[in-house]
Protein backbone atom coordinates (compact mmCIF):
# COMPACT_ATOMS: atom_id res chain seq x y z
CA MET A 1 39.63 189.54 112.66
CA SER A 2 35.87 189.56 112.55
CA ASN A 3 33.85 186.82 114.12
CA GLN A 4 32.69 185.18 110.92
CA PRO A 5 30.22 182.30 111.04
CA SER A 6 32.77 179.98 109.45
CA GLN A 7 35.28 180.39 112.26
CA ALA A 8 35.81 177.97 115.14
CA GLY A 9 36.90 178.43 118.75
CA VAL A 10 39.22 177.07 121.43
CA PHE A 11 37.42 173.77 121.87
CA ALA A 12 37.67 172.86 118.20
CA ALA A 13 41.28 174.06 117.95
CA THR A 14 42.29 171.98 120.99
CA ALA A 15 40.48 168.96 119.53
CA LEU A 16 42.46 169.45 116.32
CA VAL A 17 45.75 169.53 118.24
CA VAL A 18 44.91 166.47 120.36
CA ALA A 19 43.66 164.42 117.40
CA SER A 20 46.65 165.43 115.26
CA MET A 21 49.04 164.19 117.95
CA ILE A 22 47.35 160.98 119.07
CA GLY A 23 47.75 158.94 115.93
CA VAL A 24 49.56 155.88 114.72
CA GLY A 25 52.88 156.70 116.47
CA VAL A 26 51.82 155.92 120.03
CA PHE A 27 50.20 152.65 118.93
CA THR A 28 53.25 151.37 117.00
CA SER A 29 56.45 152.87 118.47
CA LEU A 30 56.76 150.95 121.74
CA GLY A 31 57.60 147.62 120.12
CA PHE A 32 60.61 149.10 118.32
CA GLN A 33 61.78 151.01 121.41
CA LEU A 34 61.88 147.73 123.36
CA VAL A 35 64.48 146.38 120.94
CA ASP A 36 67.11 148.67 122.53
CA LEU A 37 65.53 149.89 125.78
CA ASN A 38 64.85 147.38 128.55
CA SER A 39 63.14 149.08 131.49
CA ALA A 40 59.95 151.00 132.21
CA PRO A 41 61.89 154.04 133.57
CA GLN A 42 63.77 154.32 130.24
CA ILE A 43 60.57 154.03 128.17
CA LEU A 44 58.50 156.41 130.30
CA PHE A 45 61.33 158.95 130.50
CA LEU A 46 61.56 158.79 126.71
CA TRP A 47 57.86 159.67 126.33
CA ALA A 48 57.94 162.29 129.09
CA LEU A 49 60.96 163.92 127.45
CA GLY A 50 59.15 163.95 124.11
CA GLY A 51 56.23 165.69 125.81
CA LEU A 52 58.52 168.27 127.41
CA LEU A 53 60.13 169.05 124.05
CA ALA A 54 56.71 169.36 122.39
CA LEU A 55 55.59 171.72 125.17
CA CYS A 56 58.73 173.86 124.70
CA GLY A 57 57.98 174.00 120.99
CA ALA A 58 54.34 174.87 121.66
CA PHE A 59 55.35 177.83 123.84
CA CYS A 60 57.61 179.16 121.07
CA TYR A 61 55.03 178.59 118.33
CA ALA A 62 52.36 180.36 120.37
CA GLU A 63 54.56 183.46 120.66
CA VAL A 64 55.50 183.43 116.95
CA ALA A 65 51.87 182.90 115.92
CA THR A 66 50.75 186.04 117.78
CA LEU A 67 53.38 188.06 115.88
CA LEU A 68 52.70 186.49 112.47
CA PRO A 69 48.96 185.64 112.60
CA LYS A 70 48.34 184.07 109.19
CA SER A 71 47.55 180.52 108.12
CA GLY A 72 50.24 178.25 106.72
CA GLY A 73 52.28 177.17 109.74
CA GLU A 74 56.01 176.77 109.07
CA TYR A 75 55.55 177.94 105.48
CA HIS A 76 54.33 181.36 106.62
CA PHE A 77 56.67 181.62 109.62
CA LEU A 78 59.91 180.72 107.81
CA ARG A 79 59.23 182.87 104.75
CA SER A 80 58.53 185.83 107.05
CA ILE A 81 61.47 185.33 109.44
CA TYR A 82 64.17 184.04 107.05
CA HIS A 83 63.56 183.77 103.31
CA PRO A 84 60.73 182.62 101.00
CA SER A 85 62.83 179.63 99.84
CA LEU A 86 62.86 178.21 103.38
CA GLY A 87 59.15 178.80 103.65
CA PHE A 88 58.61 176.92 100.39
CA MET A 89 60.81 174.07 101.68
CA ALA A 90 58.77 173.82 104.88
CA GLY A 91 55.49 174.04 103.00
CA MET A 92 56.35 171.24 100.59
CA LEU A 93 57.71 169.04 103.39
CA SER A 94 54.51 169.64 105.33
CA ALA A 95 52.29 168.91 102.33
CA PHE A 96 53.95 165.58 101.55
CA ALA A 97 55.70 164.32 104.70
CA GLY A 98 53.83 166.28 107.35
CA PHE A 99 50.28 165.55 106.19
CA ALA A 100 49.81 163.36 103.10
CA ALA A 101 52.12 160.53 104.21
CA PRO A 102 50.88 160.56 107.84
CA THR A 103 47.31 160.51 106.52
CA ALA A 104 48.13 157.33 104.60
CA ILE A 105 49.98 155.77 107.54
CA THR A 106 47.18 156.61 109.97
CA ALA A 107 44.59 155.24 107.55
CA LEU A 108 46.60 152.03 107.16
CA ALA A 109 46.81 151.69 110.94
CA PHE A 110 43.02 152.15 110.99
CA GLY A 111 42.78 149.34 108.46
CA GLU A 112 45.15 147.09 110.44
CA TYR A 113 43.17 147.45 113.65
CA LEU A 114 39.89 146.95 111.80
CA HIS A 115 41.36 143.87 110.13
CA SER A 116 42.38 142.55 113.55
CA ALA A 117 38.74 142.90 114.61
CA GLU A 118 37.26 141.48 111.39
CA PRO A 119 39.81 139.53 109.30
CA TRP A 120 37.63 139.65 106.17
CA ILE A 121 38.17 143.43 105.92
CA ARG A 122 41.03 144.39 103.58
CA VAL A 123 43.50 146.79 105.17
CA ASP A 124 44.07 148.94 102.07
CA LEU A 125 40.37 149.26 101.23
CA ALA A 126 39.51 150.22 104.80
CA ALA A 127 42.33 152.80 104.73
CA ALA A 128 41.07 154.27 101.46
CA ALA A 129 37.52 154.41 102.83
CA VAL A 130 38.50 156.36 105.95
CA ILE A 131 40.46 158.86 103.85
CA LEU A 132 37.53 159.42 101.50
CA VAL A 133 35.03 159.78 104.35
CA GLY A 134 37.25 162.25 106.19
CA SER A 135 37.89 164.24 103.02
CA ALA A 136 34.17 164.46 102.28
CA ALA A 137 33.45 165.68 105.82
CA HIS A 138 36.07 168.44 105.62
CA SER A 139 35.02 169.62 102.15
CA VAL A 140 31.83 171.23 103.44
CA SER A 141 32.94 174.14 105.67
CA THR A 142 35.21 175.04 108.56
CA ARG A 143 32.28 174.85 110.95
CA THR A 144 31.46 171.31 109.78
CA SER A 145 35.13 170.36 110.15
CA ALA A 146 35.08 171.68 113.71
CA ARG A 147 32.00 169.65 114.63
CA VAL A 148 33.36 166.44 113.11
CA GLN A 149 36.70 166.92 114.86
CA VAL A 150 35.25 167.65 118.30
CA VAL A 151 33.01 164.57 118.21
CA ALA A 152 35.72 162.24 116.85
CA THR A 153 38.34 163.50 119.30
CA GLY A 154 35.99 163.26 122.25
CA LEU A 155 35.28 159.63 121.40
CA LYS A 156 39.00 158.91 121.03
CA LEU A 157 39.78 160.40 124.46
CA ILE A 158 37.04 158.34 126.10
CA LEU A 159 38.43 155.17 124.54
CA ILE A 160 42.02 155.89 125.62
CA VAL A 161 41.15 156.86 129.19
CA THR A 162 38.93 153.79 129.52
CA PHE A 163 41.73 151.52 128.23
CA ILE A 164 44.28 153.03 130.64
CA ALA A 165 41.94 152.64 133.61
CA THR A 166 41.08 149.06 132.67
CA ALA A 167 44.75 148.11 132.20
CA TRP A 168 45.48 149.07 135.81
CA MET A 169 42.35 147.46 137.20
CA LEU A 170 42.87 144.03 135.62
CA PRO A 171 45.83 141.73 136.31
CA GLY A 172 48.37 142.28 133.54
CA GLU A 173 51.07 140.01 132.12
CA GLY A 174 53.79 142.67 131.93
CA ASP A 175 57.26 141.55 133.06
CA ILE A 176 59.41 144.63 132.39
CA ARG A 177 61.58 146.11 135.15
CA TRP A 178 59.81 149.01 136.87
CA GLN A 179 62.41 149.83 139.54
CA LEU A 180 64.83 152.64 138.72
CA ASP A 181 68.44 151.51 138.23
CA TRP A 182 70.17 154.88 138.06
CA LYS A 183 73.46 153.63 136.57
CA GLN A 184 71.92 151.46 133.87
CA ASP A 185 68.99 153.74 133.00
CA SER A 186 71.03 156.97 132.86
CA ALA A 187 73.60 155.27 130.59
CA ALA A 188 70.82 154.23 128.21
CA VAL A 189 69.57 157.78 127.60
CA VAL A 190 72.86 158.98 126.07
CA THR A 191 73.07 156.25 123.44
CA ALA A 192 72.39 156.47 119.72
CA ALA A 193 69.55 153.98 120.16
CA PHE A 194 67.82 156.31 122.62
CA ALA A 195 68.22 159.21 120.18
CA VAL A 196 66.67 157.20 117.35
CA SER A 197 63.82 156.18 119.65
CA LEU A 198 63.36 159.84 120.54
CA LEU A 199 63.07 160.60 116.83
CA TYR A 200 60.12 158.20 116.62
CA VAL A 201 58.63 159.70 119.79
CA THR A 202 59.02 163.13 118.21
CA TYR A 203 57.05 161.80 115.25
CA ALA A 204 54.38 160.48 117.64
CA TYR A 205 54.10 163.97 119.14
CA THR A 206 53.91 165.58 115.71
CA GLY A 207 50.77 167.68 115.57
CA TRP A 208 51.31 169.82 118.68
CA ASN A 209 51.56 172.75 116.25
CA ALA A 210 48.40 171.82 114.28
CA ALA A 211 46.40 174.90 115.29
CA VAL A 212 48.82 177.28 113.53
CA TYR A 213 48.13 175.89 110.05
CA GLY A 214 44.67 177.41 109.93
CA LEU A 215 45.16 180.54 112.05
CA GLU A 216 42.58 182.41 110.02
CA ASP A 217 39.99 179.72 110.79
CA TRP A 218 39.88 180.64 114.48
CA VAL A 219 37.87 183.17 116.43
CA ASP A 220 40.38 185.47 118.23
CA PRO A 221 43.39 183.51 116.87
CA GLN A 222 45.93 184.77 119.43
CA HIS A 223 43.86 183.57 122.37
CA THR A 224 42.66 180.41 120.63
CA VAL A 225 46.06 179.20 119.40
CA ARG A 226 47.80 179.82 122.73
CA LYS A 227 45.26 177.74 124.67
CA ALA A 228 44.98 175.02 122.02
CA LEU A 229 48.74 174.48 121.67
CA LEU A 230 49.53 174.48 125.37
CA TRP A 231 46.57 172.58 126.82
CA GLY A 232 46.41 170.14 123.91
CA THR A 233 50.12 169.31 124.18
CA LEU A 234 50.01 168.93 127.96
CA LEU A 235 46.98 166.63 127.81
CA VAL A 236 48.53 164.41 125.14
CA GLY A 237 51.82 164.16 127.05
CA VAL A 238 49.99 162.83 130.10
CA LEU A 239 47.97 160.37 127.98
CA TYR A 240 51.07 159.13 126.12
CA VAL A 241 52.94 158.30 129.33
CA GLY A 242 49.83 156.64 130.75
CA LEU A 243 49.13 154.67 127.58
CA ASN A 244 52.68 153.31 127.27
CA ALA A 245 52.74 152.40 130.96
CA SER A 246 49.48 150.53 130.38
CA PHE A 247 50.90 148.63 127.41
CA LEU A 248 53.95 147.63 129.50
CA ARG A 249 51.76 146.48 132.37
CA ALA A 250 49.39 144.56 130.13
CA ALA A 251 51.75 142.47 127.99
CA PRO A 252 55.17 140.81 128.37
CA VAL A 253 58.18 142.38 126.70
CA ALA A 254 58.75 139.37 124.43
CA ALA A 255 55.27 139.75 122.95
CA LEU A 256 55.67 143.50 122.35
CA ARG A 257 59.30 143.69 121.18
CA GLY A 258 59.62 144.45 117.47
CA GLN A 259 55.85 144.46 116.89
CA GLU A 260 53.74 147.27 115.43
CA ALA A 261 50.22 146.51 116.71
CA VAL A 262 51.14 146.92 120.39
CA GLY A 263 47.61 148.09 121.24
CA HIS A 264 46.12 144.85 119.94
CA ILE A 265 48.79 142.75 121.69
CA ALA A 266 48.11 144.51 125.00
CA ALA A 267 44.36 144.04 124.52
CA VAL A 268 44.83 140.30 123.91
CA SER A 269 46.84 139.99 127.14
CA LEU A 270 44.18 141.86 129.11
CA PHE A 271 40.92 140.58 127.64
CA GLY A 272 41.66 137.48 125.57
CA GLU A 273 41.57 137.05 121.79
CA GLN A 274 37.83 137.44 121.24
CA ALA A 275 37.36 140.56 123.39
CA ALA A 276 40.57 142.06 121.96
CA ARG A 277 38.97 142.07 118.52
CA GLY A 278 36.34 144.47 119.84
CA VAL A 279 39.01 146.65 121.45
CA SER A 280 40.89 146.76 118.14
CA ALA A 281 37.72 147.96 116.42
CA LEU A 282 37.45 150.74 119.01
CA PHE A 283 41.11 151.70 118.43
CA ALA A 284 40.33 151.87 114.70
CA ILE A 285 37.45 154.27 115.38
CA GLY A 286 39.81 156.39 117.48
CA LEU A 287 42.29 156.57 114.60
CA PHE A 288 39.59 158.13 112.42
CA ALA A 289 39.96 161.29 114.52
CA SER A 290 43.68 161.40 113.64
CA ALA A 291 43.11 160.99 109.91
CA SER A 292 40.37 163.62 110.12
CA ALA A 293 42.67 166.11 111.84
CA LEU A 294 45.35 165.67 109.18
CA LEU A 295 42.79 166.22 106.43
CA TRP A 296 41.59 169.42 108.14
CA ALA A 297 44.95 171.03 108.91
CA GLY A 298 47.07 169.86 105.96
CA PRO A 299 45.28 171.58 103.07
CA ARG A 300 45.65 174.94 104.88
CA VAL A 301 49.38 174.84 104.12
CA LEU A 302 48.96 174.50 100.36
CA GLY A 303 46.08 177.00 100.56
CA ALA A 304 48.41 179.57 102.15
CA MET A 305 51.11 178.83 99.56
CA GLY A 306 48.56 179.35 96.79
CA LYS A 307 47.77 182.82 98.11
CA ASN A 308 51.43 183.90 97.88
CA MET A 309 52.78 182.02 94.85
CA GLY A 310 51.37 182.51 91.38
CA SER A 311 52.57 179.08 90.29
CA LEU A 312 50.46 177.49 93.04
CA SER A 313 47.53 179.91 92.92
CA PHE A 314 45.11 177.12 92.01
CA PHE A 315 45.49 175.85 95.61
CA ALA A 316 44.24 179.15 97.07
CA PRO A 317 40.82 178.67 98.72
CA ARG A 318 37.87 180.26 96.96
CA ARG A 319 35.84 180.19 100.18
CA ASP A 320 36.86 179.02 103.64
CA VAL A 321 37.82 175.48 102.50
CA PRO A 322 40.85 174.97 100.19
CA HIS A 323 39.12 172.30 98.10
CA LEU A 324 41.88 171.66 95.54
CA ALA A 325 44.50 171.40 98.29
CA LEU A 326 42.24 168.92 100.10
CA LEU A 327 41.82 166.93 96.88
CA PHE A 328 45.62 166.93 96.37
CA GLN A 329 46.31 165.63 99.89
CA THR A 330 43.59 163.01 99.55
CA SER A 331 44.96 161.83 96.20
CA VAL A 332 48.57 161.58 97.42
CA ALA A 333 47.46 159.73 100.56
CA LEU A 334 45.48 157.24 98.47
CA VAL A 335 48.48 156.62 96.20
CA LEU A 336 50.64 155.98 99.27
CA VAL A 337 48.05 153.64 100.77
CA PHE A 338 48.37 151.34 97.76
CA GLY A 339 52.13 151.93 97.48
CA SER A 340 54.96 150.71 99.68
CA GLY A 341 57.97 151.88 101.61
CA LEU A 342 56.09 154.25 103.91
CA ARG A 343 58.39 153.60 106.87
CA LYS A 344 61.43 154.55 104.78
CA LEU A 345 59.61 157.66 103.59
CA MET A 346 58.82 158.78 107.13
CA GLU A 347 62.33 158.07 108.39
CA ALA A 348 63.81 160.21 105.63
CA THR A 349 61.38 163.12 105.73
CA GLN A 350 61.18 163.35 109.53
CA ILE A 351 64.64 164.96 109.51
CA GLY A 352 63.40 167.77 107.27
CA LEU A 353 60.31 168.28 109.42
CA THR A 354 62.46 168.42 112.56
CA LEU A 355 64.64 171.01 110.82
CA SER A 356 61.60 173.11 109.88
CA THR A 357 60.18 173.16 113.41
CA SER A 358 63.63 173.92 114.82
CA LEU A 359 63.93 176.92 112.51
CA VAL A 360 60.58 178.26 113.79
CA VAL A 361 61.72 177.82 117.40
CA ALA A 362 64.99 179.59 116.59
CA GLY A 363 62.89 182.24 114.83
CA CYS A 364 61.20 183.00 118.13
CA MET A 365 64.59 184.06 119.48
CA ILE A 366 65.42 185.97 116.29
CA LEU A 367 62.18 187.96 116.51
CA ARG A 368 62.93 188.79 120.13
CA TYR A 369 66.30 190.18 119.05
CA ARG A 370 65.14 191.81 115.81
CA SER A 371 61.89 193.39 117.04
CA PRO A 372 61.94 193.67 120.83
CA GLU A 373 59.47 196.56 120.71
CA LEU A 374 56.60 194.55 119.25
CA PRO A 375 53.74 193.83 121.67
CA ARG A 376 53.72 190.17 122.69
CA PRO A 377 50.39 189.13 124.19
CA VAL A 378 51.88 185.62 124.47
CA LYS A 379 55.42 185.15 125.77
CA VAL A 380 57.53 182.05 126.26
CA PRO A 381 57.87 181.44 130.03
CA LEU A 382 61.37 181.05 131.47
CA TYR A 383 62.79 182.44 128.21
CA PRO A 384 65.29 181.50 126.73
CA LEU A 385 65.30 178.03 128.35
CA PRO A 386 62.41 176.43 126.35
CA PRO A 387 63.76 177.30 122.88
CA LEU A 388 67.32 176.39 123.88
CA LEU A 389 66.19 173.04 125.30
CA PHE A 390 64.13 172.29 122.19
CA LEU A 391 67.01 173.16 119.85
CA ALA A 392 69.56 171.22 121.89
CA MET A 393 67.46 168.07 121.87
CA ALA A 394 66.56 168.46 118.18
CA GLY A 395 70.27 168.69 117.40
CA PHE A 396 70.96 165.66 119.58
CA VAL A 397 68.34 163.62 117.73
CA ILE A 398 69.56 164.63 114.28
CA VAL A 399 73.25 164.01 115.06
CA TYR A 400 72.71 160.60 116.63
CA SER A 401 70.23 159.60 113.93
CA ALA A 402 72.87 160.49 111.34
CA LYS A 403 75.35 158.35 113.24
CA LYS A 404 73.09 155.29 113.26
CA HIS A 405 71.29 155.79 109.91
CA PRO A 406 73.52 158.06 107.78
CA ASP A 407 71.84 157.20 104.47
CA THR A 408 68.37 157.99 105.76
CA THR A 409 69.51 161.26 107.35
CA LEU A 410 71.31 162.37 104.20
CA THR A 411 68.25 161.52 102.13
CA GLY A 412 66.07 163.63 104.41
CA ALA A 413 68.49 166.54 104.31
CA GLY A 414 68.73 166.20 100.52
CA VAL A 415 64.96 166.33 100.11
CA ALA A 416 64.78 169.48 102.26
CA LEU A 417 67.60 171.12 100.29
CA PHE A 418 65.93 170.19 96.99
CA PHE A 419 62.67 171.89 98.01
CA ALA A 420 64.55 175.00 99.18
CA LEU A 421 66.51 175.31 95.91
CA ILE A 422 63.58 174.66 93.59
CA TRP A 423 61.96 177.87 94.84
CA PHE A 424 64.48 179.94 92.83
CA PRO A 425 63.61 178.63 89.34
CA LEU A 426 59.92 178.87 90.27
CA LYS A 427 60.51 182.52 91.12
CA LEU A 428 62.10 183.10 87.70
CA LEU A 429 59.16 181.38 85.98
CA ARG A 430 56.74 183.72 87.77
CA ARG A 431 58.67 186.73 86.49
CA LYS A 432 58.39 185.51 82.92
């Protein structure tokens, strides 16, 4: 691929991965995990395990991306490895549940933290504003998107590292058990509650594959994607463990349990109510980077689908930015911001997204078997352990989630099946 002026490099791709991952999940999940898990070793192992699984997935995606170097992410990978219907399923799940809904949820979290800082600010209006600003920034060019993302992500990392350092320098009010109790803690990790918590952690790590959605945006995509996926995922894993440890040290369990705004609660415990309002405003600024990343990567999926499907050709980019796809994602996100039931939506669709990523990881093994002669500039280390570990844990999460929330799991599976089947009538329409 030629080095076009519109393309971006490793730094921007890594910023996209980091910002896509560090979003609302890490600032809201801990309170719900503390309902069933009762020690720091259990919580930190949960987040470390999520990071290990994301890293295993990143290794597999990096290898697949070098063999199938086109934009579109799971849509392109699954249609190439398996069947176009599975690619369509993954693409539609990504467009709605992978990007539009998370954009709305991240924007609402932005609004919540901003509202905590300044109560006169309406949450929904602040969320709508951040979506519109991010959309406008990414409508200009890929190079502009890269600049916006690098600056926003850099600011977010500074804020998080500063918060972690401060939490360990100041006396905290945390009262959770930190000592390892092997019998109790090991028993907790094989429960359905731990599996459901891991599902939410998996959601918090969503975005480790962000660089593959716009493969054609990158200079030297094979080199760029490999470094962005691996270094971005590793960095976020370390930050997630550190951030959750800081929350646990800062605030008592009773204050955190069952609550969403754990960042604000921890800030109140550390700095007091007035200073915490300023910290909440900083967290809101950091969440802009997450919304921005979703608005950059997401439209590339519909753009890739528009290139291959006549019925969606209007989404195909005319230049380097898929403007109509960006407008679609922005519009859906705005509708969801002023709607309701987002948690139910994410619970249901996360199963389909987990299935899509699992199929790509399995596809790495299929390509090894089907085309062993192809040159692989990027290979999964310790193969086949990473893909097998990823698939085993994904299966564990889905099975135990189905056991605890069968209706939600069946809904998610039904949505995925619906998108896969609807490809066939669309194919017949194209023939006519």
